Amino acid sequence: MLAALLHAPKPVEQEPLALREISAPSPRGSQILIRVHACGLCHTDLHTVEGDIPLPKLPIIPGHQIVGVVAGRGPEVGRFRDGDRVGVAWLHGACGACRYCRGEHENLCEKAEFTGLHANGGYAELTLVDENFAYRLPAGFSDLQAAPLLCAGVIGYRALKLTAVRGGERLGLYGFGASAHLVIQIARHRQCQVYVFTRSPEHQHHARALGAAWVGRAEDTPPEKLQAAIIFAPAGRLVLDALRVLDRGGNVTLAGITMTPIPEIDYPSLLYHERTIQSVANATRKDAEELLELATEVPLRADVQVFPLAQANQALLELKHSRIRGSGIITINPPGST
């Protein structure tokens, strides 16, 4: 099978992914083999190939917003049949027995494994996953529309849940890429006012087109204080920017897997009056199921930019420099191609 392999991390400008023919995997036990149609781009993929996060396995195939069809099954599979359309997200496995898993926080499991990090991901013609970590996808969503839901959508949804923001309240979004452009649709569906902070003129225009109540840069002061903010960009200084415009009792949620150092916080002026800071660590299968159901209700629509597998390095370079409007998608075996 054809796959984009990472043998050693390096800047994406140096093309760290190598397109190679490798042996196809075989499903065992409760695993399903998926013929990949599309795989969404994520900043975590960029952090992986550039070595910003520890890499437990090399070589590795990145990609964790996978859409495809079941092409093979292990002997213990009972949920899916060959030909079923399925999705795979970031969470690839968890122990199921620890206090986090038992308490509906499997995303915090110390033995959790992640797609494209511990196990080969979706920048390939085929991939494996345990059937219990695969999802049935909404019928009304094409492969290109479904792929961004599986991380950009799910992580954004979990971040939004953690804010506990309610209809009529003001939510700030810092950064306006794949995740934020889906979150704004959910938040507006729930009657929230959304304020978007982004330096990119193109992303500012995109935010206005999606109904943002106010758009500016991080250093700007919006007309009213925020009840909550979500920071998608991996820049620690944004925490101070968000706290500066946060109302009393508000919260700032950090949605990235990594972030540059957060500068010193002046407690009396920025954090006092019960303001809180929290992080999002991955997402649970329950989050994914809820988001996939909500996607039809809203309905969510992703703006997508498509790249063939052979252009995976170029796609990540475009992502790095914020030149993708909405979600970038790698296509591998689009329907009708085989």
C-alpha atoms as a PDB file:
ATOM      1  CA  MET A   1       0.000   0.000   0.000  1.00  0.00           C
ATOM      2  CA  LEU A   2       1.042   3.616  -0.485  1.00  0.00           C
ATOM      3  CA  ALA A   3       1.744   5.657   2.656  1.00  0.00           C
ATOM      4  CA  ALA A   4       3.354   8.936   3.739  1.00  0.00           C
ATOM      5  CA  LEU A   5       5.932   7.863   6.337  1.00  0.00           C
ATOM      6  CA  LEU A   6       7.731   9.938   8.942  1.00  0.00           C
ATOM      7  CA  HIS A   7      11.153   8.418   9.676  1.00  0.00           C
ATOM      8  CA  ALA A   8      12.537  11.361  11.649  1.00  0.00           C
ATOM      9  CA  PRO A   9      11.009  14.709  12.618  1.00  0.00           C
ATOM     10  CA  LYS A  10      12.211  17.887  10.932  1.00  0.00           C
ATOM     11  CA  PRO A  11      10.768  21.205   9.755  1.00  0.00           C
ATOM     12  CA  VAL A  12       8.025  20.688   7.213  1.00  0.00           C
ATOM     13  CA  GLU A  13       9.964  22.929   4.816  1.00  0.00           C
ATOM     14  CA  GLN A  14      12.432  20.012   4.577  1.00  0.00           C
ATOM     15  CA  GLU A  15       9.682  17.575   3.511  1.00  0.00           C
ATOM     16  CA  PRO A  16       9.791  15.113   6.431  1.00  0.00           C
ATOM     17  CA  LEU A  17       7.161  12.777   4.946  1.00  0.00           C
ATOM     18  CA  ALA A  18       8.308  10.189   2.398  1.00  0.00           C
ATOM     19  CA  LEU A  19       5.833   8.505   0.056  1.00  0.00           C
ATOM     20  CA  ARG A  20       6.551   4.766   0.133  1.00  0.00           C
ATOM     21  CA  GLU A  21       5.035   1.421  -0.838  1.00  0.00           C
ATOM     22  CA  ILE A  22       4.788  -0.711   2.309  1.00  0.00           C
ATOM     23  CA  SER A  23       3.094  -3.965   3.256  1.00  0.00           C
ATOM     24  CA  ALA A  24      -0.625  -3.733   3.919  1.00  0.00           C
ATOM     25  CA  PRO A  25      -1.653  -4.477   7.520  1.00  0.00           C
ATOM     26  CA  SER A  26      -3.925  -7.393   8.405  1.00  0.00           C
ATOM     27  CA  PRO A  27      -6.755  -7.064  10.946  1.00  0.00           C
ATOM     28  CA  ARG A  28      -6.674  -9.252  14.037  1.00  0.00           C
ATOM     29  CA  GLY A  29      -9.106  -9.768  16.900  1.00  0.00           C
ATOM     30  CA  SER A  30     -11.581  -6.878  16.982  1.00  0.00           C
ATOM     31  CA  GLN A  31      -9.676  -4.753  14.451  1.00  0.00           C
ATOM     32  CA  ILE A  32     -11.134  -3.471  11.211  1.00  0.00           C
ATOM     33  CA  LEU A  33      -9.106  -2.680   8.109  1.00  0.00           C
ATOM     34  CA  ILE A  34     -10.149   0.622   6.550  1.00  0.00           C
ATOM     35  CA  ARG A  35      -9.614   1.682   2.959  1.00  0.00           C
ATOM     36  CA  VAL A  36      -8.987   5.376   3.502  1.00  0.00           C
ATOM     37  CA  HIS A  37     -10.863   7.870   1.334  1.00  0.00           C
ATOM     38  CA  ALA A  38      -9.917  11.095   3.119  1.00  0.00           C
ATOM     39  CA  CYS A  39      -7.919  12.282   6.112  1.00  0.00           C
ATOM     40  CA  GLY A  40      -8.168  15.752   7.610  1.00  0.00           C
ATOM     41  CA  LEU A  41      -5.113  17.886   8.332  1.00  0.00           C
ATOM     42  CA  CYS A  42      -4.549  18.918  11.936  1.00  0.00           C
ATOM     43  CA  HIS A  43      -1.999  21.078  13.737  1.00  0.00           C
ATOM     44  CA  THR A  44      -1.173  17.961  15.768  1.00  0.00           C
ATOM     45  CA  ASP A  45       0.054  16.373  12.518  1.00  0.00           C
ATOM     46  CA  LEU A  46       2.322  19.376  12.078  1.00  0.00           C
ATOM     47  CA  HIS A  47       3.564  19.109  15.677  1.00  0.00           C
ATOM     48  CA  THR A  48       4.221  15.402  15.048  1.00  0.00           C
ATOM     49  CA  VAL A  49       6.272  15.734  11.873  1.00  0.00           C
ATOM     50  CA  GLU A  50       8.265  18.653  13.284  1.00  0.00           C
ATOM     51  CA  GLY A  51       8.938  16.891  16.600  1.00  0.00           C
ATOM     52  CA  ASP A  52       7.177  19.422  18.833  1.00  0.00           C
ATOM     53  CA  ILE A  53       5.696  16.538  20.838  1.00  0.00           C
ATOM     54  CA  PRO A  54       7.416  13.306  21.976  1.00  0.00           C
ATOM     55  CA  LEU A  55       7.219  10.568  19.334  1.00  0.00           C
ATOM     56  CA  PRO A  56       6.813   7.091  20.881  1.00  0.00           C
ATOM     57  CA  LYS A  57       6.966   5.285  17.527  1.00  0.00           C
ATOM     58  CA  LEU A  58       9.079   5.766  14.407  1.00  0.00           C
ATOM     59  CA  PRO A  59       8.553   5.397  11.571  1.00  0.00           C
ATOM     60  CA  ILE A  60       4.938   6.507  11.883  1.00  0.00           C
ATOM     61  CA  ILE A  61       2.134   7.366   9.468  1.00  0.00           C
ATOM     62  CA  PRO A  62       0.422  10.585  10.661  1.00  0.00           C
ATOM     63  CA  GLY A  63      -3.233  11.521  10.312  1.00  0.00           C
ATOM     64  CA  HIS A  64      -6.169  11.095  12.686  1.00  0.00           C
ATOM     65  CA  GLN A  65      -9.297  12.468  10.989  1.00  0.00           C
ATOM     66  CA  ILE A  66      -9.898   9.395   8.876  1.00  0.00           C
ATOM     67  CA  VAL A  67     -12.879   8.557   6.683  1.00  0.00           C
ATOM     68  CA  GLY A  68     -13.098   5.363   4.678  1.00  0.00           C
ATOM     69  CA  VAL A  69     -14.828   2.023   4.262  1.00  0.00           C
ATOM     70  CA  VAL A  70     -14.307  -1.296   5.996  1.00  0.00           C
ATOM     71  CA  ALA A  71     -12.138  -3.487   3.748  1.00  0.00           C
ATOM     72  CA  GLY A  72     -11.437  -6.337   6.163  1.00  0.00           C
ATOM     73  CA  ARG A  73     -12.314  -7.581   9.641  1.00  0.00           C
ATOM     74  CA  GLY A  74     -10.720  -9.550  12.437  1.00  0.00           C
ATOM     75  CA  PRO A  75     -12.562 -12.650  13.678  1.00  0.00           C
ATOM     76  CA  GLU A  76     -13.993 -10.863  16.744  1.00  0.00           C
ATOM     77  CA  VAL A  77     -15.567  -7.908  14.899  1.00  0.00           C
ATOM     78  CA  GLY A  78     -19.319  -7.612  15.418  1.00  0.00           C
ATOM     79  CA  ARG A  79     -20.259  -3.951  14.901  1.00  0.00           C
ATOM     80  CA  PHE A  80     -19.263  -3.476  11.262  1.00  0.00           C
ATOM     81  CA  ARG A  81     -19.467  -5.219   7.913  1.00  0.00           C
ATOM     82  CA  ASP A  82     -17.279  -4.910   4.851  1.00  0.00           C
ATOM     83  CA  GLY A  83     -18.255  -1.797   2.917  1.00  0.00           C
ATOM     84  CA  ASP A  84     -19.525   0.158   5.930  1.00  0.00           C
ATOM     85  CA  ARG A  85     -18.407   3.786   5.970  1.00  0.00           C
ATOM     86  CA  VAL A  86     -16.540   4.636   9.174  1.00  0.00           C
ATOM     87  CA  GLY A  87     -14.483   7.349  10.815  1.00  0.00           C
ATOM     88  CA  VAL A  88     -11.428   7.231  13.064  1.00  0.00           C
ATOM     89  CA  ALA A  89     -10.418  10.018  15.444  1.00  0.00           C
ATOM     90  CA  TRP A  90      -7.409  10.906  17.617  1.00  0.00           C
ATOM     91  CA  LEU A  91      -8.188   8.500  20.479  1.00  0.00           C
ATOM     92  CA  HIS A  92      -7.054   5.093  19.194  1.00  0.00           C
ATOM     93  CA  GLY A  93      -7.336   3.105  22.418  1.00  0.00           C
ATOM     94  CA  ALA A  94      -7.601   3.278  26.210  1.00  0.00           C
ATOM     95  CA  CYS A  95      -7.222   0.725  28.995  1.00  0.00           C
ATOM     96  CA  GLY A  96     -10.899   0.744  29.989  1.00  0.00           C
ATOM     97  CA  ALA A  97     -10.080  -0.132  33.598  1.00  0.00           C
ATOM     98  CA  CYS A  98      -8.457   2.892  35.254  1.00  0.00           C
ATOM     99  CA  ARG A  99     -10.350   5.508  37.245  1.00  0.00           C
ATOM    100  CA  TYR A 100     -10.315   7.878  34.278  1.00  0.00           C
ATOM    101  CA  CYS A 101     -11.860   5.325  31.925  1.00  0.00           C
ATOM    102  CA  ARG A 102     -14.399   4.212  34.522  1.00  0.00           C
ATOM    103  CA  GLY A 103     -15.273   7.831  35.256  1.00  0.00           C
ATOM    104  CA  GLU A 104     -15.995   8.841  31.632  1.00  0.00           C
ATOM    105  CA  HIS A 105     -12.620  10.554  31.277  1.00  0.00           C
ATOM    106  CA  GLU A 106     -10.915   8.022  29.023  1.00  0.00           C
ATOM    107  CA  ASN A 107      -9.221  10.949  27.305  1.00  0.00           C
ATOM    108  CA  LEU A 108      -7.042  11.220  30.436  1.00  0.00           C
ATOM    109  CA  CYS A 109      -6.138   7.496  30.570  1.00  0.00           C
ATOM    110  CA  GLU A 110      -2.410   7.120  31.243  1.00  0.00           C
ATOM    111  CA  LYS A 111      -2.299   4.169  28.832  1.00  0.00           C
ATOM    112  CA  ALA A 112      -4.253   5.888  26.064  1.00  0.00           C
ATOM    113  CA  GLU A 113      -2.919   5.553  22.536  1.00  0.00           C
ATOM    114  CA  PHE A 114      -3.476   8.033  19.747  1.00  0.00           C
ATOM    115  CA  THR A 115      -3.925   7.670  16.014  1.00  0.00           C
ATOM    116  CA  GLY A 116      -0.933   8.824  14.004  1.00  0.00           C
ATOM    117  CA  LEU A 117       1.258   8.890  17.126  1.00  0.00           C
ATOM    118  CA  HIS A 118       1.209   5.440  18.778  1.00  0.00           C
ATOM    119  CA  ALA A 119      -0.496   3.709  15.844  1.00  0.00           C
ATOM    120  CA  ASN A 120      -0.301   4.363  12.122  1.00  0.00           C
ATOM    121  CA  GLY A 121      -2.810   6.903  10.908  1.00  0.00           C
ATOM    122  CA  GLY A 122      -4.623   7.967   7.780  1.00  0.00           C
ATOM    123  CA  TYR A 123      -1.964   9.350   5.442  1.00  0.00           C
ATOM    124  CA  ALA A 124      -2.094   5.961   3.736  1.00  0.00           C
ATOM    125  CA  GLU A 125      -4.281   3.803   1.540  1.00  0.00           C
ATOM    126  CA  LEU A 126      -5.144   1.475   4.434  1.00  0.00           C
ATOM    127  CA  THR A 127      -5.235   1.697   8.221  1.00  0.00           C
ATOM    128  CA  LEU A 128      -6.251  -0.434  11.209  1.00  0.00           C
ATOM    129  CA  VAL A 129      -8.320   0.405  14.280  1.00  0.00           C
ATOM    130  CA  ASP A 130     -10.196  -1.525  16.939  1.00  0.00           C
ATOM    131  CA  GLU A 131     -13.880  -1.500  16.028  1.00  0.00           C
ATOM    132  CA  ASN A 132     -14.707   0.042  19.409  1.00  0.00           C
ATOM    133  CA  PHE A 133     -12.770   3.171  18.428  1.00  0.00           C
ATOM    134  CA  ALA A 134     -14.428   3.618  15.033  1.00  0.00           C
ATOM    135  CA  TYR A 135     -17.539   5.689  14.342  1.00  0.00           C
ATOM    136  CA  ARG A 136     -20.506   5.490  12.046  1.00  0.00           C
ATOM    137  CA  LEU A 137     -20.757   8.745  10.133  1.00  0.00           C
ATOM    138  CA  PRO A 138     -23.829  10.893   9.386  1.00  0.00           C
ATOM    139  CA  ALA A 139     -25.330   9.945   6.031  1.00  0.00           C
ATOM    140  CA  GLY A 140     -25.726  13.563   4.944  1.00  0.00           C
ATOM    141  CA  PHE A 141     -21.997  14.284   5.099  1.00  0.00           C
ATOM    142  CA  SER A 142     -19.622  13.551   2.232  1.00  0.00           C
ATOM    143  CA  ASP A 143     -16.189  12.138   3.037  1.00  0.00           C
ATOM    144  CA  LEU A 144     -14.696  15.623   2.697  1.00  0.00           C
ATOM    145  CA  GLN A 145     -17.302  17.093   5.056  1.00  0.00           C
ATOM    146  CA  ALA A 146     -17.069  14.247   7.583  1.00  0.00           C
ATOM    147  CA  ALA A 147     -13.280  14.199   8.013  1.00  0.00           C
ATOM    148  CA  PRO A 148     -12.946  17.586   9.809  1.00  0.00           C
ATOM    149  CA  LEU A 149     -15.589  16.564  12.338  1.00  0.00           C
ATOM    150  CA  LEU A 150     -13.310  13.854  13.749  1.00  0.00           C
ATOM    151  CA  CYS A 151     -10.788  16.151  15.440  1.00  0.00           C
ATOM    152  CA  ALA A 152     -11.341  19.796  14.550  1.00  0.00           C
ATOM    153  CA  GLY A 153     -15.007  19.268  15.317  1.00  0.00           C
ATOM    154  CA  VAL A 154     -14.649  16.964  18.320  1.00  0.00           C
ATOM    155  CA  ILE A 155     -11.898  18.936  20.091  1.00  0.00           C
ATOM    156  CA  GLY A 156     -13.719  22.195  19.429  1.00  0.00           C
ATOM    157  CA  TYR A 157     -16.925  20.679  20.765  1.00  0.00           C
ATOM    158  CA  ARG A 158     -15.219  19.459  23.955  1.00  0.00           C
ATOM    159  CA  ALA A 159     -13.624  22.882  24.447  1.00  0.00           C
ATOM    160  CA  LEU A 160     -17.018  24.525  24.007  1.00  0.00           C
ATOM    161  CA  LYS A 161     -18.571  22.126  26.537  1.00  0.00           C
ATOM    162  CA  LEU A 162     -15.884  22.964  29.087  1.00  0.00           C
ATOM    163  CA  THR A 163     -16.592  26.690  28.776  1.00  0.00           C
ATOM    164  CA  ALA A 164     -20.227  26.061  29.814  1.00  0.00           C
ATOM    165  CA  VAL A 165     -21.127  29.193  27.836  1.00  0.00           C
ATOM    166  CA  ARG A 166     -24.874  29.711  27.427  1.00  0.00           C
ATOM    167  CA  GLY A 167     -27.138  31.280  24.853  1.00  0.00           C
ATOM    168  CA  GLY A 168     -26.890  35.070  24.837  1.00  0.00           C
ATOM    169  CA  GLU A 169     -23.392  35.054  26.354  1.00  0.00           C
ATOM    170  CA  ARG A 170     -20.231  36.211  24.612  1.00  0.00           C
ATOM    171  CA  LEU A 171     -17.605  33.678  23.524  1.00  0.00           C
ATOM    172  CA  GLY A 172     -14.163  34.644  22.242  1.00  0.00           C
ATOM    173  CA  LEU A 173     -12.258  32.487  19.744  1.00  0.00           C
ATOM    174  CA  TYR A 174      -8.505  33.048  19.420  1.00  0.00           C
ATOM    175  CA  GLY A 175      -7.333  31.718  16.077  1.00  0.00           C
ATOM    176  CA  PHE A 176      -9.748  30.880  13.283  1.00  0.00           C
ATOM    177  CA  GLY A 177      -8.735  27.692  11.545  1.00  0.00           C
ATOM    178  CA  ALA A 178     -10.297  24.266  11.125  1.00  0.00           C
ATOM    179  CA  SER A 179     -11.663  23.893  14.655  1.00  0.00           C
ATOM    180  CA  ALA A 180     -12.798  27.468  15.277  1.00  0.00           C
ATOM    181  CA  HIS A 181     -14.731  27.684  12.010  1.00  0.00           C
ATOM    182  CA  LEU A 182     -16.837  24.724  13.197  1.00  0.00           C
ATOM    183  CA  VAL A 183     -17.168  25.947  16.793  1.00  0.00           C
ATOM    184  CA  ILE A 184     -18.601  29.281  15.666  1.00  0.00           C
ATOM    185  CA  GLN A 185     -21.380  27.404  13.884  1.00  0.00           C
ATOM    186  CA  ILE A 186     -22.268  25.423  17.025  1.00  0.00           C
ATOM    187  CA  ALA A 187     -22.063  28.488  19.272  1.00  0.00           C
ATOM    188  CA  ARG A 188     -24.275  30.577  16.999  1.00  0.00           C
ATOM    189  CA  HIS A 189     -26.729  27.664  16.754  1.00  0.00           C
ATOM    190  CA  ARG A 190     -26.954  27.968  20.549  1.00  0.00           C
ATOM    191  CA  GLN A 191     -27.560  31.727  20.309  1.00  0.00           C
ATOM    192  CA  CYS A 192     -24.132  32.787  21.611  1.00  0.00           C
ATOM    193  CA  GLN A 193     -22.426  35.963  20.439  1.00  0.00           C
ATOM    194  CA  VAL A 194     -19.029  35.030  19.014  1.00  0.00           C
ATOM    195  CA  TYR A 195     -16.049  37.389  19.027  1.00  0.00           C
ATOM    196  CA  VAL A 196     -13.124  36.277  16.857  1.00  0.00           C
ATOM    197  CA  PHE A 197      -9.496  37.285  17.366  1.00  0.00           C
ATOM    198  CA  THR A 198      -7.172  36.515  14.443  1.00  0.00           C
ATOM    199  CA  ARG A 199      -4.389  38.405  12.691  1.00  0.00           C
ATOM    200  CA  SER A 200      -5.060  36.922   9.233  1.00  0.00           C
ATOM    201  CA  PRO A 201      -7.195  39.204   7.006  1.00  0.00           C
ATOM    202  CA  GLU A 202      -8.458  36.115   5.175  1.00  0.00           C
ATOM    203  CA  HIS A 203      -9.480  34.450   8.430  1.00  0.00           C
ATOM    204  CA  GLN A 204     -11.103  37.685   9.621  1.00  0.00           C
ATOM    205  CA  HIS A 205     -13.186  37.757   6.449  1.00  0.00           C
ATOM    206  CA  HIS A 206     -14.077  34.089   6.960  1.00  0.00           C
ATOM    207  CA  ALA A 207     -15.221  34.773  10.547  1.00  0.00           C
ATOM    208  CA  ARG A 208     -17.458  37.634   9.421  1.00  0.00           C
ATOM    209  CA  ALA A 209     -18.955  35.424   6.712  1.00  0.00           C
ATOM    210  CA  LEU A 210     -19.836  32.849   9.378  1.00  0.00           C
ATOM    211  CA  GLY A 211     -21.630  35.417  11.516  1.00  0.00           C
ATOM    212  CA  ALA A 212     -19.095  36.634  14.083  1.00  0.00           C
ATOM    213  CA  ALA A 213     -20.514  39.504  16.149  1.00  0.00           C
ATOM    214  CA  TRP A 214     -17.096  41.192  16.240  1.00  0.00           C
ATOM    215  CA  VAL A 215     -13.724  40.490  14.612  1.00  0.00           C
ATOM    216  CA  GLY A 216     -10.303  41.880  15.504  1.00  0.00           C
ATOM    217  CA  ARG A 217      -6.744  41.043  16.497  1.00  0.00           C
ATOM    218  CA  ALA A 218      -5.665  39.598  19.849  1.00  0.00           C
ATOM    219  CA  GLU A 219      -4.337  42.939  21.057  1.00  0.00           C
ATOM    220  CA  ASP A 220      -7.619  44.710  20.254  1.00  0.00           C
ATOM    221  CA  THR A 221     -10.286  45.432  22.871  1.00  0.00           C
ATOM    222  CA  PRO A 222     -13.793  44.250  21.937  1.00  0.00           C
ATOM    223  CA  PRO A 223     -16.824  46.420  22.747  1.00  0.00           C
ATOM    224  CA  GLU A 224     -17.880  44.184  25.660  1.00  0.00           C
ATOM    225  CA  LYS A 225     -16.278  41.708  28.062  1.00  0.00           C
ATOM    226  CA  LEU A 226     -16.382  37.980  27.307  1.00  0.00           C
ATOM    227  CA  GLN A 227     -17.958  35.288  29.464  1.00  0.00           C
ATOM    228  CA  ALA A 228     -15.622  32.649  27.998  1.00  0.00           C
ATOM    229  CA  ALA A 229     -12.789  32.269  25.525  1.00  0.00           C
ATOM    230  CA  ILE A 230     -11.219  29.351  23.646  1.00  0.00           C
ATOM    231  CA  ILE A 231      -7.614  29.629  22.492  1.00  0.00           C
ATOM    232  CA  PHE A 232      -6.827  27.483  19.447  1.00  0.00           C
ATOM    233  CA  ALA A 233      -3.531  29.089  18.415  1.00  0.00           C
ATOM    234  CA  PRO A 234      -0.488  27.593  20.235  1.00  0.00           C
ATOM    235  CA  ALA A 235       0.769  30.969  21.500  1.00  0.00           C
ATOM    236  CA  GLY A 236       1.041  31.338  25.274  1.00  0.00           C
ATOM    237  CA  ARG A 237       0.843  35.134  25.156  1.00  0.00           C
ATOM    238  CA  LEU A 238      -2.782  34.816  24.029  1.00  0.00           C
ATOM    239  CA  VAL A 239      -3.707  33.671  27.539  1.00  0.00           C
ATOM    240  CA  LEU A 240      -2.949  37.174  28.811  1.00  0.00           C
ATOM    241  CA  ASP A 241      -4.817  38.736  25.896  1.00  0.00           C
ATOM    242  CA  ALA A 242      -7.885  36.632  26.658  1.00  0.00           C
ATOM    243  CA  LEU A 243      -7.800  37.254  30.415  1.00  0.00           C
ATOM    244  CA  ARG A 244      -7.581  40.997  29.755  1.00  0.00           C
ATOM    245  CA  VAL A 245     -11.001  41.023  28.061  1.00  0.00           C
ATOM    246  CA  LEU A 246     -12.626  38.318  30.209  1.00  0.00           C
ATOM    247  CA  ASP A 247     -15.505  39.222  32.519  1.00  0.00           C
ATOM    248  CA  ARG A 248     -15.571  38.319  36.196  1.00  0.00           C
ATOM    249  CA  GLY A 249     -16.267  34.614  36.706  1.00  0.00           C
ATOM    250  CA  GLY A 250     -15.281  33.840  33.122  1.00  0.00           C
ATOM    251  CA  ASN A 251     -13.005  31.083  31.865  1.00  0.00           C
ATOM    252  CA  VAL A 252     -10.288  30.617  29.278  1.00  0.00           C
ATOM    253  CA  THR A 253     -10.005  27.174  27.661  1.00  0.00           C
ATOM    254  CA  LEU A 254      -6.793  26.103  25.910  1.00  0.00           C
ATOM    255  CA  ALA A 255      -7.589  23.756  23.025  1.00  0.00           C
ATOM    256  CA  GLY A 256      -4.118  22.966  21.678  1.00  0.00           C
ATOM    257  CA  ILE A 257      -1.916  19.932  22.321  1.00  0.00           C
ATOM    258  CA  THR A 258       1.106  22.184  22.813  1.00  0.00           C
ATOM    259  CA  MET A 259       1.713  25.873  23.477  1.00  0.00           C
ATOM    260  CA  THR A 260       4.590  28.299  23.771  1.00  0.00           C
ATOM    261  CA  PRO A 261       5.359  29.456  27.341  1.00  0.00           C
ATOM    262  CA  ILE A 262       2.644  31.499  29.028  1.00  0.00           C
ATOM    263  CA  PRO A 263       4.050  34.832  30.282  1.00  0.00           C
ATOM    264  CA  GLU A 264       3.762  35.833  33.924  1.00  0.00           C
ATOM    265  CA  ILE A 265       0.145  36.547  34.884  1.00  0.00           C
ATOM    266  CA  ASP A 266      -0.640  39.546  37.071  1.00  0.00           C
ATOM    267  CA  TYR A 267      -3.022  37.986  39.584  1.00  0.00           C
ATOM    268  CA  PRO A 268      -4.988  41.078  40.765  1.00  0.00           C
ATOM    269  CA  SER A 269      -5.761  42.490  37.338  1.00  0.00           C
ATOM    270  CA  LEU A 270      -6.081  39.342  35.195  1.00  0.00           C
ATOM    271  CA  LEU A 271      -6.978  36.295  37.286  1.00  0.00           C
ATOM    272  CA  TYR A 272      -8.772  37.571  40.371  1.00  0.00           C
ATOM    273  CA  HIS A 273     -12.597  37.645  40.556  1.00  0.00           C
ATOM    274  CA  GLU A 274     -12.863  33.892  39.946  1.00  0.00           C
ATOM    275  CA  ARG A 275     -11.501  33.831  36.430  1.00  0.00           C
ATOM    276  CA  THR A 276     -10.208  30.365  35.521  1.00  0.00           C
ATOM    277  CA  ILE A 277      -7.879  28.760  32.977  1.00  0.00           C
ATOM    278  CA  GLN A 278      -8.330  25.161  31.837  1.00  0.00           C
ATOM    279  CA  SER A 279      -6.933  22.899  29.130  1.00  0.00           C
ATOM    280  CA  VAL A 280      -8.505  20.389  26.785  1.00  0.00           C
ATOM    281  CA  ALA A 281      -6.716  17.030  26.704  1.00  0.00           C
ATOM    282  CA  ASN A 282      -7.936  14.975  23.762  1.00  0.00           C
ATOM    283  CA  ALA A 283     -11.610  13.928  23.664  1.00  0.00           C
ATOM    284  CA  THR A 284     -13.724  10.936  24.603  1.00  0.00           C
ATOM    285  CA  ARG A 285     -15.720   8.647  22.354  1.00  0.00           C
ATOM    286  CA  LYS A 286     -18.845  10.119  23.935  1.00  0.00           C
ATOM    287  CA  ASP A 287     -17.726  13.579  22.791  1.00  0.00           C
ATOM    288  CA  ALA A 288     -17.334  12.253  19.255  1.00  0.00           C
ATOM    289  CA  GLU A 289     -20.743  10.570  19.223  1.00  0.00           C
ATOM    290  CA  GLU A 290     -22.412  13.736  20.537  1.00  0.00           C
ATOM    291  CA  LEU A 291     -20.655  15.919  17.979  1.00  0.00           C
ATOM    292  CA  LEU A 292     -21.555  13.638  15.070  1.00  0.00           C
ATOM    293  CA  GLU A 293     -25.215  13.808  16.105  1.00  0.00           C
ATOM    294  CA  LEU A 294     -25.063  17.581  16.588  1.00  0.00           C
ATOM    295  CA  ALA A 295     -23.432  18.021  13.180  1.00  0.00           C
ATOM    296  CA  THR A 296     -26.680  17.021  11.497  1.00  0.00           C
ATOM    297  CA  GLU A 297     -28.800  19.194  13.782  1.00  0.00           C
ATOM    298  CA  VAL A 298     -26.872  22.460  13.197  1.00  0.00           C
ATOM    299  CA  PRO A 299     -25.985  21.455  10.374  1.00  0.00           C
ATOM    300  CA  LEU A 300     -22.217  21.891  10.366  1.00  0.00           C
ATOM    301  CA  ARG A 301     -20.532  22.693   7.073  1.00  0.00           C
ATOM    302  CA  ALA A 302     -16.760  22.764   6.753  1.00  0.00           C
ATOM    303  CA  ASP A 303     -14.901  24.847   4.215  1.00  0.00           C
ATOM    304  CA  VAL A 304     -12.336  22.443   2.783  1.00  0.00           C
ATOM    305  CA  GLN A 305      -9.189  22.585   0.703  1.00  0.00           C
ATOM    306  CA  VAL A 306      -8.156  19.281  -0.879  1.00  0.00           C
ATOM    307  CA  PHE A 307      -4.663  17.849  -1.427  1.00  0.00           C
ATOM    308  CA  PRO A 308      -3.654  14.459  -2.874  1.00  0.00           C
ATOM    309  CA  LEU A 309      -1.525  12.183  -0.686  1.00  0.00           C
ATOM    310  CA  ALA A 310       1.536  12.966  -2.797  1.00  0.00           C
ATOM    311  CA  GLN A 311       1.282  16.598  -1.639  1.00  0.00           C
ATOM    312  CA  ALA A 312       1.134  15.832   2.099  1.00  0.00           C
ATOM    313  CA  ASN A 313       4.278  17.853   2.847  1.00  0.00           C
ATOM    314  CA  GLN A 314       2.978  20.834   0.884  1.00  0.00           C
ATOM    315  CA  ALA A 315      -0.389  20.569   2.633  1.00  0.00           C
ATOM    316  CA  LEU A 316       1.284  20.741   6.061  1.00  0.00           C
ATOM    317  CA  LEU A 317       3.358  23.706   4.900  1.00  0.00           C
ATOM    318  CA  GLU A 318       0.176  25.532   3.902  1.00  0.00           C
ATOM    319  CA  LEU A 319      -1.275  24.698   7.311  1.00  0.00           C
ATOM    320  CA  LYS A 320       1.827  25.958   9.108  1.00  0.00           C
ATOM    321  CA  HIS A 321       1.580  29.337   7.416  1.00  0.00           C
ATOM    322  CA  SER A 322      -2.202  29.708   7.938  1.00  0.00           C
ATOM    323  CA  ARG A 323      -2.908  29.582   4.210  1.00  0.00           C
ATOM    324  CA  ILE A 324      -5.798  27.120   4.468  1.00  0.00           C
ATOM    325  CA  ARG A 325      -9.321  28.490   4.781  1.00  0.00           C
ATOM    326  CA  GLY A 326     -11.229  26.116   7.035  1.00  0.00           C
ATOM    327  CA  SER A 327     -10.012  22.514   6.890  1.00  0.00           C
ATOM    328  CA  GLY A 328      -7.338  20.893   4.763  1.00  0.00           C
ATOM    329  CA  ILE A 329      -8.092  17.360   3.557  1.00  0.00           C
ATOM    330  CA  ILE A 330      -5.770  14.682   2.164  1.00  0.00           C
ATOM    331  CA  THR A 331      -7.547  12.429  -0.346  1.00  0.00           C
ATOM    332  CA  ILE A 332      -6.259   8.902  -0.845  1.00  0.00           C
ATOM    333  CA  ASN A 333      -8.812   6.488  -2.371  1.00  0.00           C
ATOM    334  CA  PRO A 334     -11.765   8.708  -3.303  1.00  0.00           C
ATOM    335  CA  PRO A 335     -14.931   6.731  -4.158  1.00  0.00           C
ATOM    336  CA  GLY A 336     -14.840   5.468  -7.736  1.00  0.00           C
ATOM    337  CA  SER A 337     -11.041   5.494  -7.916  1.00  0.00           C
ATOM    338  CA  THR A 338     -10.671   1.721  -7.543  1.00  0.00           C
END
